[in-house]
Amino acid sequence: MSYHFYADDKQLFKGASPKHITELTIGLEHCVRDVKAWMNSNKLKLNDDKTEILLMKISRQTINTPSVSINHSIIDMEKKAKNLGVIFDSDFSMQHQLSSLCKSLHFQLWKKGSIREYLTEKVRQRLS
């Protein structure tokens, strides 16, 4: 299992073929249990409510996605998850990221348009 640890975020990841999903899930449960035990021993807390699991697959694949059990908490697989500001979805379509980006750009254009009447012609040309 590979990992990335950030200041307040931990990410575990591993690749596997669809026929090895059960083994992957069991390995993930063991790894998260070990991380949680280490955090507890160092007076840190792993927040089960904020734990997300994203199973990324090729869109043509149909995979029975099992739930993961961590210390009596059942965590279902997510359809999308945000990582360093980018929204990844389970089938690599990036549809949620593009939708979020278009929404943000639309808002920025609207903001720009709402102040247009207060700008000089020279500033308007520069912003165009």
Protein backbone atom coordinates (compact mmCIF):
# COMPACT_ATOMS: atom_id res chain seq x y z
CA MET A 1 0.00 0.00 0.00
CA SER A 2 1.39 3.41 -0.95
CA TYR A 3 0.62 6.58 0.93
CA HIS A 4 0.82 10.37 1.08
CA PHE A 5 0.76 12.15 4.42
CA TYR A 6 -0.03 15.85 4.56
CA ALA A 7 -0.34 18.12 7.60
CA ASP A 8 -3.88 17.02 8.39
CA ASP A 9 -4.64 14.53 5.63
CA LYS A 10 -3.60 10.95 4.93
CA GLN A 11 -4.05 9.19 1.60
CA LEU A 12 -3.59 5.50 0.99
CA PHE A 13 -3.64 4.07 -2.51
CA LYS A 14 -3.00 0.84 -4.34
CA GLY A 15 -3.74 -0.54 -7.79
CA ALA A 16 -5.35 -3.91 -8.39
CA SER A 17 -7.22 -5.77 -11.08
CA PRO A 18 -11.01 -6.16 -10.68
CA LYS A 19 -10.66 -9.80 -9.63
CA HIS A 20 -8.52 -8.74 -6.64
CA ILE A 21 -10.95 -6.17 -5.16
CA THR A 22 -11.69 -8.32 -2.11
CA GLU A 23 -7.99 -8.68 -1.28
CA LEU A 24 -7.53 -4.95 -1.85
CA THR A 25 -10.38 -4.16 0.54
CA ILE A 26 -8.99 -6.45 3.24
CA GLY A 27 -5.51 -4.93 2.84
CA LEU A 28 -7.01 -1.43 3.07
CA GLU A 29 -8.87 -2.34 6.27
CA HIS A 30 -5.67 -3.67 7.86
CA CYS A 31 -3.63 -0.66 6.77
CA VAL A 32 -6.18 1.88 8.05
CA ARG A 33 -6.45 -0.05 11.30
CA ASP A 34 -2.66 0.17 11.71
CA VAL A 35 -2.64 3.91 10.89
CA LYS A 36 -5.45 4.48 13.37
CA ALA A 37 -3.59 2.53 16.09
CA TRP A 38 -0.43 4.54 15.44
CA MET A 39 -2.37 7.80 15.57
CA ASN A 40 -4.06 6.81 18.84
CA SER A 41 -0.73 5.88 20.40
CA ASN A 42 0.57 9.35 19.43
CA LYS A 43 -2.50 11.12 20.83
CA LEU A 44 -3.93 11.87 17.37
CA LYS A 45 -7.38 11.07 16.05
CA LEU A 46 -8.49 9.54 12.78
CA ASN A 47 -11.94 10.96 12.10
CA ASP A 48 -14.07 8.06 10.79
CA ASP A 49 -16.80 10.51 9.68
CA LYS A 50 -14.41 12.24 7.29
CA THR A 51 -12.83 9.07 5.92
CA GLU A 52 -13.53 8.61 2.21
CA ILE A 53 -12.78 5.69 -0.07
CA LEU A 54 -12.75 6.11 -3.83
CA LEU A 55 -12.47 3.09 -6.09
CA MET A 56 -11.28 4.38 -9.45
CA LYS A 57 -11.98 2.18 -12.46
CA ILE A 58 -12.23 2.32 -16.21
CA SER A 59 -15.79 3.40 -17.05
CA ARG A 60 -16.55 0.24 -18.99
CA GLN A 61 -15.83 -1.95 -15.99
CA THR A 62 -18.58 -3.05 -13.65
CA ILE A 63 -17.16 -3.92 -10.29
CA ASN A 64 -19.05 -4.96 -7.19
CA THR A 65 -17.80 -2.32 -4.77
CA PRO A 66 -17.62 -3.68 -1.24
CA SER A 67 -17.87 -1.56 1.88
CA VAL A 68 -14.86 -1.23 4.14
CA SER A 69 -15.16 -1.82 7.87
CA ILE A 70 -12.84 0.11 10.15
CA ASN A 71 -13.31 -0.37 13.90
CA HIS A 72 -17.03 -1.11 13.57
CA SER A 73 -17.59 1.83 11.21
CA ILE A 74 -18.81 0.91 7.73
CA ILE A 75 -17.41 3.17 5.01
CA ASP A 76 -19.02 2.95 1.57
CA MET A 77 -17.17 3.72 -1.64
CA GLU A 78 -17.60 7.31 -2.83
CA LYS A 79 -18.49 8.32 -6.39
CA LYS A 80 -16.16 11.35 -6.20
CA ALA A 81 -13.50 12.80 -3.90
CA LYS A 82 -11.47 16.00 -3.81
CA ASN A 83 -7.68 15.76 -3.73
CA LEU A 84 -5.61 18.95 -3.51
CA GLY A 85 -8.43 20.94 -5.09
CA VAL A 86 -9.15 18.53 -7.95
CA ILE A 87 -12.35 16.47 -7.96
CA PHE A 88 -11.73 12.88 -9.05
CA ASP A 89 -14.58 10.56 -9.88
CA SER A 90 -14.70 6.80 -9.82
CA ASP A 91 -14.70 6.33 -13.62
CA PHE A 92 -12.01 8.91 -14.55
CA SER A 93 -14.50 11.04 -16.49
CA MET A 94 -13.52 14.27 -14.66
CA GLN A 95 -17.14 15.39 -15.19
CA HIS A 96 -17.47 16.75 -11.63
CA GLN A 97 -14.18 18.68 -11.94
CA LEU A 98 -15.22 20.23 -15.25
CA SER A 99 -18.65 21.12 -13.88
CA SER A 100 -17.09 22.76 -10.83
CA LEU A 101 -14.61 24.65 -12.99
CA CYS A 102 -17.35 25.91 -15.36
CA LYS A 103 -19.44 27.02 -12.38
CA SER A 104 -16.49 28.94 -10.95
CA LEU A 105 -15.64 30.54 -14.31
CA HIS A 106 -19.26 31.54 -14.86
CA PHE A 107 -19.31 33.21 -11.46
CA GLN A 108 -16.07 35.09 -12.19
CA LEU A 109 -17.44 36.32 -15.53
CA TRP A 110 -20.65 37.42 -13.81
CA LYS A 111 -18.63 39.35 -11.21
CA LYS A 112 -16.63 41.01 -13.97
CA GLY A 113 -19.81 41.95 -15.82
CA SER A 114 -21.43 43.41 -12.72
CA ILE A 115 -18.73 46.07 -12.35
CA ARG A 116 -18.41 46.82 -16.07
CA GLU A 117 -20.35 50.09 -15.90
CA TYR A 118 -17.94 51.47 -13.28
CA LEU A 119 -14.81 50.86 -15.36
CA THR A 120 -13.20 53.14 -17.92
CA GLU A 121 -13.09 52.05 -21.55
CA LYS A 122 -9.34 51.47 -21.30
CA VAL A 123 -9.71 49.13 -18.31
CA ARG A 124 -12.62 47.29 -20.00
CA GLN A 125 -10.47 46.64 -23.06
CA ARG A 126 -7.66 45.32 -20.89
CA LEU A 127 -10.03 42.91 -19.14
CA SER A 128 -11.56 41.61 -22.37
